[in-house]
Amino acid sequence: MTGLALHLEDVTVTYGGKAVLTGLDLDVAPGEILAVTGASGCGKSTLLRVLAGLLPVAAGTVRADGEPVRGTSPDRALMFQDDALLPWRTARANVALPLAIRGVPRAERAVRADAWLARVGLAGLERRLPRDLSGGQRQRVQLARTLAGAPRTVLMDEPFGALDAQTRHGMQRLLAEVWDTGTTVVLVTHDVDEALLLGDRVAVLGEGGLTELVEVARPRTVVDPSLRARVLAALGAPTLETT
């Protein structure tokens, strides 16, 4: 499977008569993990909804593999901070949901769902309801459900933001380990270190548009202090001076 190529050209999005994004130009390569960060209210979540086809643009062009984005598609999946699991469905049934929507036979759905649950470290918990899982386990189910549907692009809106530090670190590591599907990822995060650990590039949004685009080399086992400084400077964060 090849991830989608995403293209935004001179995109403007308004909300309540106010421009949230203005003249945004951005390309995301197939299979790339693009981390997006910026101050609250700068349009990060708006960008994801535009790419998902949930929000129309006031001006400009949005394309996926060269085709205009005019609505939602199974090829573009959105993953939220809230796990959004169906409380009456088991972990297996939740993961199998996108497979059912795609018309996969029931027996195959169960096999594929169990395989993804095992891959995210939840083997043996297939029959658990969401209420019987921890917050981190529920997010693992959501990740498995998202990937089981084989989308070509995953749009992630602060997916680990509600987790404690230890669980969040584990989910970051898990995402880095399982992301060999070729899927394109756009990940919104307020955490600069998370952006630099997971992203092939980090896009910093501010004042309605793109203020910085930072390339991050692989492997990314530790955060490069110079890149952190660049991102923080683009965010307008104060820096410490040494004498």
C-alpha atoms as a PDB file:
ATOM      1  CA  MET A   1       0.000   0.000   0.000  1.00  0.00           C
ATOM      2  CA  THR A   2       1.210   3.470  -0.893  1.00  0.00           C
ATOM      3  CA  GLY A   3       0.271   6.510   1.154  1.00  0.00           C
ATOM      4  CA  LEU A   4      -1.510   9.446  -0.400  1.00  0.00           C
ATOM      5  CA  ALA A   5       0.326  12.537  -1.613  1.00  0.00           C
ATOM      6  CA  LEU A   6      -1.400  15.576  -0.085  1.00  0.00           C
ATOM      7  CA  HIS A   7      -1.255  19.045  -1.596  1.00  0.00           C
ATOM      8  CA  LEU A   8      -2.593  22.348  -0.289  1.00  0.00           C
ATOM      9  CA  GLU A   9      -2.186  25.461  -2.401  1.00  0.00           C
ATOM     10  CA  ASP A  10      -3.106  28.977  -1.239  1.00  0.00           C
ATOM     11  CA  VAL A  11      -5.695  27.528   1.150  1.00  0.00           C
ATOM     12  CA  THR A  12      -7.834  29.871   3.232  1.00  0.00           C
ATOM     13  CA  VAL A  13     -10.341  28.592   5.796  1.00  0.00           C
ATOM     14  CA  THR A  14     -12.777  30.798   7.677  1.00  0.00           C
ATOM     15  CA  TYR A  15     -14.803  30.133  10.794  1.00  0.00           C
ATOM     16  CA  GLY A  16     -17.465  32.507  12.073  1.00  0.00           C
ATOM     17  CA  GLY A  17     -16.346  35.093   9.550  1.00  0.00           C
ATOM     18  CA  LYS A  18     -12.737  34.979  10.760  1.00  0.00           C
ATOM     19  CA  ALA A  19      -9.825  33.499   8.788  1.00  0.00           C
ATOM     20  CA  VAL A  20      -8.280  30.542  10.634  1.00  0.00           C
ATOM     21  CA  LEU A  21      -5.845  29.583   7.871  1.00  0.00           C
ATOM     22  CA  THR A  22      -4.715  32.065   5.245  1.00  0.00           C
ATOM     23  CA  GLY A  23      -2.875  31.342   2.004  1.00  0.00           C
ATOM     24  CA  LEU A  24      -1.447  28.044   3.258  1.00  0.00           C
ATOM     25  CA  ASP A  25       0.854  26.129   0.906  1.00  0.00           C
ATOM     26  CA  LEU A  26       1.897  22.659   2.052  1.00  0.00           C
ATOM     27  CA  ASP A  27       2.830  19.325   0.481  1.00  0.00           C
ATOM     28  CA  VAL A  28       2.974  15.967   2.257  1.00  0.00           C
ATOM     29  CA  ALA A  29       4.850  13.167   0.493  1.00  0.00           C
ATOM     30  CA  PRO A  30       3.441   9.619   0.254  1.00  0.00           C
ATOM     31  CA  GLY A  31       4.454   7.619   3.335  1.00  0.00           C
ATOM     32  CA  GLU A  32       5.745  10.691   5.183  1.00  0.00           C
ATOM     33  CA  ILE A  33       5.018  11.433   8.832  1.00  0.00           C
ATOM     34  CA  LEU A  34       4.406  15.177   9.017  1.00  0.00           C
ATOM     35  CA  ALA A  35       4.139  16.538  12.557  1.00  0.00           C
ATOM     36  CA  VAL A  36       2.226  19.815  12.890  1.00  0.00           C
ATOM     37  CA  THR A  37       2.614  22.064  15.904  1.00  0.00           C
ATOM     38  CA  GLY A  38       1.758  25.616  16.858  1.00  0.00           C
ATOM     39  CA  ALA A  39       0.015  27.726  19.462  1.00  0.00           C
ATOM     40  CA  SER A  40      -3.599  27.033  20.405  1.00  0.00           C
ATOM     41  CA  GLY A  41      -5.986  28.493  17.869  1.00  0.00           C
ATOM     42  CA  CYS A  42      -3.474  28.610  15.004  1.00  0.00           C
ATOM     43  CA  GLY A  43      -5.467  26.178  12.849  1.00  0.00           C
ATOM     44  CA  LYS A  44      -3.846  22.775  13.476  1.00  0.00           C
ATOM     45  CA  SER A  45      -7.091  20.865  13.974  1.00  0.00           C
ATOM     46  CA  THR A  46      -8.687  22.882  11.190  1.00  0.00           C
ATOM     47  CA  LEU A  47      -5.942  21.680   8.846  1.00  0.00           C
ATOM     48  CA  LEU A  48      -6.706  18.036   9.710  1.00  0.00           C
ATOM     49  CA  ARG A  49     -10.425  18.511   9.090  1.00  0.00           C
ATOM     50  CA  VAL A  50      -9.725  20.118   5.742  1.00  0.00           C
ATOM     51  CA  LEU A  51      -7.523  17.175   4.739  1.00  0.00           C
ATOM     52  CA  ALA A  52     -10.182  14.737   5.990  1.00  0.00           C
ATOM     53  CA  GLY A  53     -12.790  16.420   3.811  1.00  0.00           C
ATOM     54  CA  LEU A  54     -14.892  17.457   6.805  1.00  0.00           C
ATOM     55  CA  LEU A  55     -14.380  21.187   6.353  1.00  0.00           C
ATOM     56  CA  PRO A  56     -14.596  23.157   3.093  1.00  0.00           C
ATOM     57  CA  VAL A  57     -12.058  25.822   2.184  1.00  0.00           C
ATOM     58  CA  ALA A  58     -12.997  29.423   1.450  1.00  0.00           C
ATOM     59  CA  ALA A  59     -10.260  29.632  -1.176  1.00  0.00           C
ATOM     60  CA  GLY A  60      -7.430  27.550  -2.595  1.00  0.00           C
ATOM     61  CA  THR A  61      -6.968  23.929  -3.586  1.00  0.00           C
ATOM     62  CA  VAL A  62      -6.744  20.702  -1.559  1.00  0.00           C
ATOM     63  CA  ARG A  63      -5.778  17.511  -3.384  1.00  0.00           C
ATOM     64  CA  ALA A  64      -5.077  13.883  -2.485  1.00  0.00           C
ATOM     65  CA  ASP A  65      -3.046  12.066  -5.143  1.00  0.00           C
ATOM     66  CA  GLY A  66      -3.936  14.874  -7.522  1.00  0.00           C
ATOM     67  CA  GLU A  67      -7.693  14.564  -7.011  1.00  0.00           C
ATOM     68  CA  PRO A  68      -9.667  17.396  -5.370  1.00  0.00           C
ATOM     69  CA  VAL A  69     -10.772  16.682  -1.795  1.00  0.00           C
ATOM     70  CA  ARG A  70     -14.521  17.309  -1.743  1.00  0.00           C
ATOM     71  CA  GLY A  71     -15.621  15.028   1.081  1.00  0.00           C
ATOM     72  CA  THR A  72     -14.610  12.167   3.325  1.00  0.00           C
ATOM     73  CA  SER A  73     -12.997   8.946   2.099  1.00  0.00           C
ATOM     74  CA  PRO A  74     -11.986   5.589   3.653  1.00  0.00           C
ATOM     75  CA  ASP A  75      -8.488   6.405   2.360  1.00  0.00           C
ATOM     76  CA  ARG A  76      -8.244   9.294   4.866  1.00  0.00           C
ATOM     77  CA  ALA A  77      -8.841   8.291   8.508  1.00  0.00           C
ATOM     78  CA  LEU A  78      -9.044  10.736  11.410  1.00  0.00           C
ATOM     79  CA  MET A  79      -7.825   9.685  14.881  1.00  0.00           C
ATOM     80  CA  PHE A  80      -8.781  11.854  17.875  1.00  0.00           C
ATOM     81  CA  GLN A  81      -7.434  12.439  21.386  1.00  0.00           C
ATOM     82  CA  ASP A  82     -10.659  10.867  22.693  1.00  0.00           C
ATOM     83  CA  ASP A  83     -10.504   7.172  21.816  1.00  0.00           C
ATOM     84  CA  ALA A  84     -14.138   7.281  20.551  1.00  0.00           C
ATOM     85  CA  LEU A  85     -14.564   3.516  21.004  1.00  0.00           C
ATOM     86  CA  LEU A  86     -18.116   2.136  20.941  1.00  0.00           C
ATOM     87  CA  PRO A  87     -18.695   1.138  24.595  1.00  0.00           C
ATOM     88  CA  TRP A  88     -20.941  -1.846  23.786  1.00  0.00           C
ATOM     89  CA  ARG A  89     -18.427  -3.442  21.404  1.00  0.00           C
ATOM     90  CA  THR A  90     -15.450  -5.527  22.516  1.00  0.00           C
ATOM     91  CA  ALA A  91     -11.913  -4.532  21.576  1.00  0.00           C
ATOM     92  CA  ARG A  92     -12.072  -7.043  18.705  1.00  0.00           C
ATOM     93  CA  ALA A  93     -15.427  -5.704  17.488  1.00  0.00           C
ATOM     94  CA  ASN A  94     -14.213  -2.107  17.660  1.00  0.00           C
ATOM     95  CA  VAL A  95     -11.124  -2.908  15.586  1.00  0.00           C
ATOM     96  CA  ALA A  96     -13.227  -4.905  13.122  1.00  0.00           C
ATOM     97  CA  LEU A  97     -15.651  -2.004  12.537  1.00  0.00           C
ATOM     98  CA  PRO A  98     -13.853  -0.394   9.561  1.00  0.00           C
ATOM     99  CA  LEU A  99     -13.418  -3.859   8.055  1.00  0.00           C
ATOM    100  CA  ALA A 100     -17.174  -4.427   8.309  1.00  0.00           C
ATOM    101  CA  ILE A 101     -17.780  -1.088   6.601  1.00  0.00           C
ATOM    102  CA  ARG A 102     -15.486  -2.205   3.785  1.00  0.00           C
ATOM    103  CA  GLY A 103     -17.460  -5.456   3.419  1.00  0.00           C
ATOM    104  CA  VAL A 104     -14.786  -7.851   4.686  1.00  0.00           C
ATOM    105  CA  PRO A 105     -16.328 -11.276   5.602  1.00  0.00           C
ATOM    106  CA  ARG A 106     -16.972 -11.788   9.329  1.00  0.00           C
ATOM    107  CA  ALA A 107     -14.427 -14.594   9.856  1.00  0.00           C
ATOM    108  CA  GLU A 108     -11.683 -12.622   8.126  1.00  0.00           C
ATOM    109  CA  ARG A 109     -12.585  -9.519  10.124  1.00  0.00           C
ATOM    110  CA  ALA A 110     -11.972 -11.372  13.404  1.00  0.00           C
ATOM    111  CA  VAL A 111      -8.622 -12.736  12.257  1.00  0.00           C
ATOM    112  CA  ARG A 112      -7.389  -9.363  11.038  1.00  0.00           C
ATOM    113  CA  ALA A 113      -8.671  -7.542  14.135  1.00  0.00           C
ATOM    114  CA  ASP A 114      -6.908  -9.999  16.448  1.00  0.00           C
ATOM    115  CA  ALA A 115      -3.696  -9.646  14.445  1.00  0.00           C
ATOM    116  CA  TRP A 116      -3.731  -5.863  14.868  1.00  0.00           C
ATOM    117  CA  LEU A 117      -4.566  -6.112  18.565  1.00  0.00           C
ATOM    118  CA  ALA A 118      -1.590  -8.431  19.015  1.00  0.00           C
ATOM    119  CA  ARG A 119       0.602  -6.013  17.096  1.00  0.00           C
ATOM    120  CA  VAL A 120      -0.237  -3.164  19.475  1.00  0.00           C
ATOM    121  CA  GLY A 121       0.381  -5.371  22.511  1.00  0.00           C
ATOM    122  CA  LEU A 122      -3.206  -6.327  23.411  1.00  0.00           C
ATOM    123  CA  ALA A 123      -3.223 -10.059  22.646  1.00  0.00           C
ATOM    124  CA  GLY A 124      -5.544 -11.781  25.109  1.00  0.00           C
ATOM    125  CA  LEU A 125      -7.756  -8.705  25.601  1.00  0.00           C
ATOM    126  CA  GLU A 126      -9.841  -9.160  22.446  1.00  0.00           C
ATOM    127  CA  ARG A 127     -13.109  -9.733  24.372  1.00  0.00           C
ATOM    128  CA  ARG A 128     -12.675  -6.835  26.814  1.00  0.00           C
ATOM    129  CA  LEU A 129     -15.120  -3.929  26.675  1.00  0.00           C
ATOM    130  CA  PRO A 130     -13.666  -0.383  26.682  1.00  0.00           C
ATOM    131  CA  ARG A 131     -14.765   0.112  30.305  1.00  0.00           C
ATOM    132  CA  ASP A 132     -12.450  -2.751  31.291  1.00  0.00           C
ATOM    133  CA  LEU A 133      -9.383  -1.224  29.612  1.00  0.00           C
ATOM    134  CA  SER A 134      -7.019   1.498  30.798  1.00  0.00           C
ATOM    135  CA  GLY A 135      -6.721   4.800  28.940  1.00  0.00           C
ATOM    136  CA  GLY A 136      -3.525   3.666  27.245  1.00  0.00           C
ATOM    137  CA  GLN A 137      -5.086   0.347  26.255  1.00  0.00           C
ATOM    138  CA  ARG A 138      -8.102   2.128  24.752  1.00  0.00           C
ATOM    139  CA  GLN A 139      -5.781   4.307  22.683  1.00  0.00           C
ATOM    140  CA  ARG A 140      -4.024   1.164  21.478  1.00  0.00           C
ATOM    141  CA  VAL A 141      -7.381  -0.216  20.394  1.00  0.00           C
ATOM    142  CA  GLN A 142      -8.085   3.024  18.555  1.00  0.00           C
ATOM    143  CA  LEU A 143      -4.698   2.842  16.816  1.00  0.00           C
ATOM    144  CA  ALA A 144      -5.348  -0.791  15.843  1.00  0.00           C
ATOM    145  CA  ARG A 145      -8.813   0.125  14.557  1.00  0.00           C
ATOM    146  CA  THR A 146      -7.410   2.987  12.510  1.00  0.00           C
ATOM    147  CA  LEU A 147      -4.707   0.851  10.905  1.00  0.00           C
ATOM    148  CA  ALA A 148      -6.937  -2.200  10.398  1.00  0.00           C
ATOM    149  CA  GLY A 149      -9.029  -0.212   7.930  1.00  0.00           C
ATOM    150  CA  ALA A 150      -5.920   0.170   5.728  1.00  0.00           C
ATOM    151  CA  PRO A 151      -6.303   3.902   5.104  1.00  0.00           C
ATOM    152  CA  ARG A 152      -3.715   5.491   2.855  1.00  0.00           C
ATOM    153  CA  THR A 153      -3.556   8.549   5.119  1.00  0.00           C
ATOM    154  CA  VAL A 154      -4.038   8.852   8.886  1.00  0.00           C
ATOM    155  CA  LEU A 155      -4.767  12.272  10.357  1.00  0.00           C
ATOM    156  CA  MET A 156      -4.011  12.292  14.089  1.00  0.00           C
ATOM    157  CA  ASP A 157      -5.305  15.086  16.336  1.00  0.00           C
ATOM    158  CA  GLU A 158      -3.336  15.067  19.621  1.00  0.00           C
ATOM    159  CA  PRO A 159      -3.871  11.279  19.904  1.00  0.00           C
ATOM    160  CA  PHE A 160      -1.738  10.898  23.038  1.00  0.00           C
ATOM    161  CA  GLY A 161      -2.498  14.238  24.687  1.00  0.00           C
ATOM    162  CA  ALA A 162      -4.768  12.846  27.417  1.00  0.00           C
ATOM    163  CA  LEU A 163      -2.347  10.118  28.521  1.00  0.00           C
ATOM    164  CA  ASP A 164       0.073  10.212  31.445  1.00  0.00           C
ATOM    165  CA  ALA A 165       3.752  10.721  30.588  1.00  0.00           C
ATOM    166  CA  GLN A 166       4.776   7.052  30.844  1.00  0.00           C
ATOM    167  CA  THR A 167       1.843   5.780  28.769  1.00  0.00           C
ATOM    168  CA  ARG A 168       2.341   8.565  26.250  1.00  0.00           C
ATOM    169  CA  HIS A 169       5.983   7.606  25.789  1.00  0.00           C
ATOM    170  CA  GLY A 170       4.948   3.997  25.244  1.00  0.00           C
ATOM    171  CA  MET A 171       2.394   5.009  22.607  1.00  0.00           C
ATOM    172  CA  GLN A 172       4.973   7.169  20.819  1.00  0.00           C
ATOM    173  CA  ARG A 173       7.371   4.235  20.717  1.00  0.00           C
ATOM    174  CA  LEU A 174       4.598   1.921  19.549  1.00  0.00           C
ATOM    175  CA  LEU A 175       3.603   4.263  16.735  1.00  0.00           C
ATOM    176  CA  ALA A 176       7.197   4.485  15.541  1.00  0.00           C
ATOM    177  CA  GLU A 177       7.515   0.676  15.627  1.00  0.00           C
ATOM    178  CA  VAL A 178       4.299  -0.244  13.811  1.00  0.00           C
ATOM    179  CA  TRP A 179       4.433   2.458  11.154  1.00  0.00           C
ATOM    180  CA  ASP A 180       5.811   0.325   8.366  1.00  0.00           C
ATOM    181  CA  THR A 181       2.545   0.276   6.422  1.00  0.00           C
ATOM    182  CA  GLY A 182       3.537   2.980   3.928  1.00  0.00           C
ATOM    183  CA  THR A 183       0.674   5.138   5.157  1.00  0.00           C
ATOM    184  CA  THR A 184       0.962   8.922   5.032  1.00  0.00           C
ATOM    185  CA  VAL A 185       0.567  10.503   8.476  1.00  0.00           C
ATOM    186  CA  VAL A 186      -0.256  14.044   9.547  1.00  0.00           C
ATOM    187  CA  LEU A 187       0.138  14.286  13.330  1.00  0.00           C
ATOM    188  CA  VAL A 188      -0.973  17.355  15.288  1.00  0.00           C
ATOM    189  CA  THR A 189       0.762  17.810  18.644  1.00  0.00           C
ATOM    190  CA  HIS A 190       1.583  20.540  21.156  1.00  0.00           C
ATOM    191  CA  ASP A 191       4.609  18.539  22.319  1.00  0.00           C
ATOM    192  CA  VAL A 192       7.729  19.713  20.454  1.00  0.00           C
ATOM    193  CA  ASP A 193       9.767  16.662  21.470  1.00  0.00           C
ATOM    194  CA  GLU A 194       6.980  14.355  20.288  1.00  0.00           C
ATOM    195  CA  ALA A 195       6.916  16.168  16.945  1.00  0.00           C
ATOM    196  CA  LEU A 196      10.687  15.776  16.529  1.00  0.00           C
ATOM    197  CA  LEU A 197      10.718  12.118  17.588  1.00  0.00           C
ATOM    198  CA  LEU A 198       7.894  11.035  15.276  1.00  0.00           C
ATOM    199  CA  GLY A 199       7.933  13.445  12.354  1.00  0.00           C
ATOM    200  CA  ASP A 200       9.999  13.217   9.170  1.00  0.00           C
ATOM    201  CA  ARG A 201       9.286  16.937   9.034  1.00  0.00           C
ATOM    202  CA  VAL A 202       7.806  19.361  11.545  1.00  0.00           C
ATOM    203  CA  ALA A 203       5.502  22.101  10.278  1.00  0.00           C
ATOM    204  CA  VAL A 204       5.008  25.057  12.616  1.00  0.00           C
ATOM    205  CA  LEU A 205       1.777  27.009  12.120  1.00  0.00           C
ATOM    206  CA  GLY A 206       1.224  30.551  13.283  1.00  0.00           C
ATOM    207  CA  GLU A 207      -0.827  33.603  12.335  1.00  0.00           C
ATOM    208  CA  GLY A 208      -2.904  31.602   9.885  1.00  0.00           C
ATOM    209  CA  GLY A 209      -0.053  30.101   7.914  1.00  0.00           C
ATOM    210  CA  LEU A 210       3.201  28.161   7.852  1.00  0.00           C
ATOM    211  CA  THR A 211       6.058  29.813   9.743  1.00  0.00           C
ATOM    212  CA  GLU A 212       8.688  27.048   9.711  1.00  0.00           C
ATOM    213  CA  LEU A 213       9.261  23.631   8.142  1.00  0.00           C
ATOM    214  CA  VAL A 214      11.969  21.528   9.804  1.00  0.00           C
ATOM    215  CA  GLU A 215      13.403  18.327   8.298  1.00  0.00           C
ATOM    216  CA  VAL A 216      14.263  15.573  10.793  1.00  0.00           C
ATOM    217  CA  ALA A 217      16.751  12.861   9.861  1.00  0.00           C
ATOM    218  CA  ARG A 218      16.332   9.187  10.736  1.00  0.00           C
ATOM    219  CA  PRO A 219      16.895   7.352  13.006  1.00  0.00           C
ATOM    220  CA  ARG A 220      15.173   9.504  15.633  1.00  0.00           C
ATOM    221  CA  THR A 221      15.981   7.922  18.968  1.00  0.00           C
ATOM    222  CA  VAL A 222      16.802  11.226  20.697  1.00  0.00           C
ATOM    223  CA  VAL A 223      15.751  14.809  20.052  1.00  0.00           C
ATOM    224  CA  ASP A 224      18.318  17.017  18.330  1.00  0.00           C
ATOM    225  CA  PRO A 225      18.714  20.140  20.547  1.00  0.00           C
ATOM    226  CA  SER A 226      19.378  22.366  17.528  1.00  0.00           C
ATOM    227  CA  LEU A 227      16.137  21.281  15.871  1.00  0.00           C
ATOM    228  CA  ARG A 228      14.242  21.790  19.122  1.00  0.00           C
ATOM    229  CA  ALA A 229      15.651  25.307  19.287  1.00  0.00           C
ATOM    230  CA  ARG A 230      14.490  26.004  15.713  1.00  0.00           C
ATOM    231  CA  VAL A 231      10.962  24.832  16.424  1.00  0.00           C
ATOM    232  CA  LEU A 232      10.768  26.743  19.711  1.00  0.00           C
ATOM    233  CA  ALA A 233      12.023  29.895  17.995  1.00  0.00           C
ATOM    234  CA  ALA A 234       9.345  29.497  15.309  1.00  0.00           C
ATOM    235  CA  LEU A 235       6.771  29.150  18.087  1.00  0.00           C
ATOM    236  CA  GLY A 236       8.038  32.371  19.643  1.00  0.00           C
ATOM    237  CA  ALA A 237       9.091  30.587  22.813  1.00  0.00           C
ATOM    238  CA  PRO A 238      11.782  32.288  24.929  1.00  0.00           C
ATOM    239  CA  THR A 239      15.226  30.711  24.785  1.00  0.00           C
ATOM    240  CA  LEU A 240      17.757  30.406  27.565  1.00  0.00           C
ATOM    241  CA  GLU A 241      21.033  32.181  26.989  1.00  0.00           C
ATOM    242  CA  THR A 242      24.231  30.918  28.524  1.00  0.00           C
ATOM    243  CA  THR A 243      27.251  33.029  29.378  1.00  0.00           C
END
